[in-house]
Amino acid sequence: MTPGRGRARRRRRVVALSPRDQARVARGQNPEDLARPDYEHDALSGPVEGLDAPAPGGAGSNDARLRRDVPPHWG
């Protein structure tokens, strides 16, 4: 509490919004549409693209390594 005022002092938060988020807030929506996840643009759910993308099932993939390095007692 602030002396002499009798009530707690409110703290302000400074938030920098992009122009896109400012437009959403002006329409009454959440910034970056926080109400639902964006599965179309999720980094882990889409197909891998680019030059560094490993070929699925290729010699360098994790599946191939796991098949190659099976312990003897797992037969």
N, C-alpha and C. Protein backbone atom coordinates (compact mmCIF):
# COMPACT_ATOMS: atom_id res chain seq x y z
N MET A 1 0.83 -1.18 0.00
CA MET A 1 0.00 0.00 0.00
C MET A 1 0.87 1.24 0.00
N THR A 2 0.41 2.23 -0.66
CA THR A 2 1.13 3.49 -0.71
C THR A 2 0.72 4.33 0.49
N PRO A 3 1.71 4.88 1.22
CA PRO A 3 1.36 5.68 2.39
C PRO A 3 0.49 6.87 2.01
N GLY A 4 -0.57 7.08 2.78
CA GLY A 4 -1.43 8.24 2.56
C GLY A 4 -2.54 8.03 1.55
N ARG A 5 -2.47 7.02 0.75
CA ARG A 5 -3.50 6.80 -0.27
C ARG A 5 -4.53 5.76 0.18
N GLY A 6 -4.13 4.79 0.98
CA GLY A 6 -5.06 3.82 1.50
C GLY A 6 -5.40 2.68 0.56
N ARG A 7 -4.76 2.57 -0.58
CA ARG A 7 -5.02 1.42 -1.45
C ARG A 7 -3.74 1.01 -2.17
N ALA A 8 -3.74 -0.19 -2.66
CA ALA A 8 -2.54 -0.73 -3.30
C ALA A 8 -2.30 -0.04 -4.64
N ARG A 9 -1.07 0.10 -4.97
CA ARG A 9 -0.67 0.73 -6.23
C ARG A 9 -0.74 -0.31 -7.35
N ARG A 10 -1.38 0.04 -8.42
CA ARG A 10 -1.47 -0.88 -9.57
C ARG A 10 -0.22 -0.77 -10.41
N ARG A 11 0.22 -1.90 -10.88
CA ARG A 11 1.39 -1.92 -11.76
C ARG A 11 0.93 -2.09 -13.19
N ARG A 12 1.57 -1.37 -14.07
CA ARG A 12 1.25 -1.48 -15.48
C ARG A 12 2.24 -2.40 -16.15
N ARG A 13 1.74 -3.14 -17.10
CA ARG A 13 2.61 -3.99 -17.92
C ARG A 13 2.73 -3.35 -19.29
N VAL A 14 3.93 -3.30 -19.79
CA VAL A 14 4.16 -2.76 -21.12
C VAL A 14 4.21 -3.94 -22.08
N VAL A 15 3.35 -3.92 -23.06
CA VAL A 15 3.28 -4.99 -24.04
C VAL A 15 3.40 -4.38 -25.42
N ALA A 16 4.33 -4.90 -26.21
CA ALA A 16 4.48 -4.44 -27.59
C ALA A 16 3.70 -5.39 -28.49
N LEU A 17 2.72 -4.86 -29.20
CA LEU A 17 1.91 -5.67 -30.10
C LEU A 17 2.27 -5.35 -31.54
N SER A 18 2.30 -6.40 -32.35
CA SER A 18 2.52 -6.21 -33.77
C SER A 18 1.26 -5.57 -34.37
N PRO A 19 1.38 -4.98 -35.56
CA PRO A 19 0.19 -4.40 -36.19
C PRO A 19 -0.94 -5.42 -36.37
N ARG A 20 -0.57 -6.66 -36.65
CA ARG A 20 -1.57 -7.72 -36.80
C ARG A 20 -2.30 -7.97 -35.48
N ASP A 21 -1.54 -8.03 -34.37
CA ASP A 21 -2.15 -8.24 -33.06
C ASP A 21 -2.98 -7.03 -32.64
N GLN A 22 -2.53 -5.82 -32.98
CA GLN A 22 -3.31 -4.62 -32.64
C GLN A 22 -4.68 -4.66 -33.32
N ALA A 23 -4.71 -5.14 -34.57
CA ALA A 23 -5.98 -5.25 -35.28
C ALA A 23 -6.87 -6.29 -34.62
N ARG A 24 -6.29 -7.40 -34.17
CA ARG A 24 -7.08 -8.43 -33.49
C ARG A 24 -7.65 -7.91 -32.18
N VAL A 25 -6.85 -7.19 -31.41
CA VAL A 25 -7.32 -6.63 -30.13
C VAL A 25 -8.43 -5.61 -30.39
N ALA A 26 -8.29 -4.82 -31.45
CA ALA A 26 -9.32 -3.83 -31.78
C ALA A 26 -10.65 -4.51 -32.14
N ARG A 27 -10.58 -5.72 -32.72
CA ARG A 27 -11.80 -6.47 -33.04
C ARG A 27 -12.32 -7.27 -31.85
N GLY A 28 -11.59 -7.25 -30.72
CA GLY A 28 -12.02 -7.98 -29.53
C GLY A 28 -11.51 -9.40 -29.47
N GLN A 29 -10.55 -9.76 -30.34
CA GLN A 29 -9.99 -11.11 -30.35
C GLN A 29 -8.72 -11.15 -29.52
N ASN A 30 -8.28 -12.36 -29.20
CA ASN A 30 -7.02 -12.54 -28.49
C ASN A 30 -5.85 -12.33 -29.45
N PRO A 31 -4.75 -11.75 -28.98
CA PRO A 31 -3.57 -11.64 -29.83
C PRO A 31 -3.06 -13.03 -30.22
N GLU A 32 -2.67 -13.17 -31.45
CA GLU A 32 -2.16 -14.43 -32.00
C GLU A 32 -3.12 -15.58 -31.80
N ASP A 33 -4.39 -15.29 -31.64
CA ASP A 33 -5.44 -16.30 -31.52
C ASP A 33 -5.06 -17.37 -30.51
N LEU A 34 -4.85 -16.94 -29.27
CA LEU A 34 -4.43 -17.84 -28.21
C LEU A 34 -5.52 -18.83 -27.80
N ALA A 35 -6.73 -18.64 -28.26
CA ALA A 35 -7.82 -19.51 -27.85
C ALA A 35 -7.69 -20.92 -28.41
N ARG A 36 -7.05 -21.07 -29.54
CA ARG A 36 -6.90 -22.42 -30.12
C ARG A 36 -5.52 -22.55 -30.76
N PRO A 37 -4.94 -23.75 -30.71
CA PRO A 37 -3.62 -23.95 -31.31
C PRO A 37 -3.70 -23.93 -32.84
N ASP A 38 -2.61 -23.59 -33.44
CA ASP A 38 -2.52 -23.52 -34.90
C ASP A 38 -1.84 -24.80 -35.39
N TYR A 39 -2.63 -25.84 -35.63
CA TYR A 39 -2.06 -27.12 -36.03
C TYR A 39 -1.54 -27.10 -37.46
N GLU A 40 -2.05 -26.19 -38.29
CA GLU A 40 -1.59 -26.13 -39.67
C GLU A 40 -0.16 -25.63 -39.77
N HIS A 41 0.27 -24.79 -38.83
CA HIS A 41 1.60 -24.21 -38.90
C HIS A 41 2.49 -24.65 -37.75
N ASP A 42 2.11 -25.73 -37.06
CA ASP A 42 2.91 -26.24 -35.96
C ASP A 42 4.20 -26.84 -36.53
N ALA A 43 5.31 -26.55 -35.91
CA ALA A 43 6.60 -26.99 -36.42
C ALA A 43 6.73 -28.51 -36.43
N LEU A 44 6.06 -29.20 -35.54
CA LEU A 44 6.23 -30.64 -35.44
C LEU A 44 5.16 -31.44 -36.18
N SER A 45 4.11 -30.82 -36.67
CA SER A 45 3.03 -31.58 -37.27
C SER A 45 3.06 -31.59 -38.79
N GLY A 46 3.78 -30.70 -39.41
CA GLY A 46 3.78 -30.61 -40.86
C GLY A 46 4.87 -31.45 -41.50
N PRO A 47 4.81 -31.57 -42.81
CA PRO A 47 5.87 -32.31 -43.50
C PRO A 47 7.18 -31.54 -43.44
N VAL A 48 8.26 -32.28 -43.36
CA VAL A 48 9.59 -31.66 -43.29
C VAL A 48 10.00 -31.28 -44.70
N GLU A 49 10.48 -30.07 -44.85
CA GLU A 49 10.91 -29.61 -46.17
C GLU A 49 12.30 -29.02 -46.07
N GLY A 50 12.94 -28.86 -47.20
CA GLY A 50 14.24 -28.24 -47.24
C GLY A 50 15.35 -29.24 -47.53
N LEU A 51 16.55 -28.72 -47.65
CA LEU A 51 17.68 -29.56 -48.00
C LEU A 51 18.14 -30.46 -46.86
N ASP A 52 17.87 -30.06 -45.61
CA ASP A 52 18.33 -30.83 -44.47
C ASP A 52 17.36 -31.93 -44.06
N ALA A 53 16.26 -32.08 -44.77
CA ALA A 53 15.26 -33.08 -44.39
C ALA A 53 15.77 -34.48 -44.70
N PRO A 54 15.82 -35.36 -43.70
CA PRO A 54 16.26 -36.73 -43.96
C PRO A 54 15.18 -37.51 -44.69
N ALA A 55 15.61 -38.44 -45.52
CA ALA A 55 14.66 -39.30 -46.20
C ALA A 55 14.08 -40.28 -45.19
N PRO A 56 12.76 -40.44 -45.13
CA PRO A 56 12.19 -41.35 -44.15
C PRO A 56 12.65 -42.78 -44.40
N GLY A 57 13.11 -43.44 -43.36
CA GLY A 57 13.58 -44.82 -43.47
C GLY A 57 14.94 -44.95 -44.10
N GLY A 58 15.62 -43.85 -44.37
CA GLY A 58 16.94 -43.91 -44.98
C GLY A 58 17.98 -44.39 -43.99
N ALA A 59 19.20 -44.58 -44.46
CA ALA A 59 20.27 -45.11 -43.62
C ALA A 59 20.60 -44.18 -42.45
N GLY A 60 20.36 -42.88 -42.61
CA GLY A 60 20.68 -41.94 -41.54
C GLY A 60 19.52 -41.69 -40.59
N SER A 61 18.39 -42.33 -40.81
CA SER A 61 17.23 -42.05 -39.96
C SER A 61 17.35 -42.77 -38.62
N ASN A 62 16.63 -42.29 -37.66
CA ASN A 62 16.64 -42.89 -36.33
C ASN A 62 16.05 -44.30 -36.36
N ASP A 63 15.03 -44.54 -37.20
CA ASP A 63 14.45 -45.88 -37.29
C ASP A 63 15.47 -46.90 -37.78
N ALA A 64 16.24 -46.50 -38.79
CA ALA A 64 17.26 -47.42 -39.30
C ALA A 64 18.31 -47.71 -38.24
N ARG A 65 18.69 -46.69 -37.48
CA ARG A 65 19.67 -46.91 -36.41
C ARG A 65 19.12 -47.84 -35.34
N LEU A 66 17.86 -47.66 -34.98
CA LEU A 66 17.27 -48.52 -33.96
C LEU A 66 17.16 -49.97 -34.44
N ARG A 67 16.84 -50.18 -35.70
CA ARG A 67 16.78 -51.55 -36.23
C ARG A 67 18.16 -52.19 -36.29
N ARG A 68 19.17 -51.38 -36.56
CA ARG A 68 20.53 -51.88 -36.68
C ARG A 68 21.13 -52.19 -35.31
N ASP A 69 20.80 -51.40 -34.29
CA ASP A 69 21.41 -51.53 -32.98
C ASP A 69 20.53 -52.27 -31.98
N VAL A 70 19.83 -53.31 -32.42
CA VAL A 70 18.96 -54.07 -31.53
C VAL A 70 19.84 -54.95 -30.63
N PRO A 71 19.64 -54.89 -29.31
CA PRO A 71 20.42 -55.75 -28.42
C PRO A 71 20.16 -57.23 -28.71
N PRO A 72 21.15 -58.12 -28.50
CA PRO A 72 21.01 -59.53 -28.85
C PRO A 72 19.86 -60.22 -28.11
N HIS A 73 19.58 -59.82 -26.89
CA HIS A 73 18.52 -60.50 -26.13
C HIS A 73 17.12 -60.10 -26.60
N TRP A 74 17.01 -59.16 -27.52
CA TRP A 74 15.71 -58.78 -28.05
C TRP A 74 15.38 -59.57 -29.32
N GLY A 75 16.33 -60.33 -29.79
CA GLY A 75 16.16 -61.27 -30.88
C GLY A 75 15.75 -60.72 -32.14
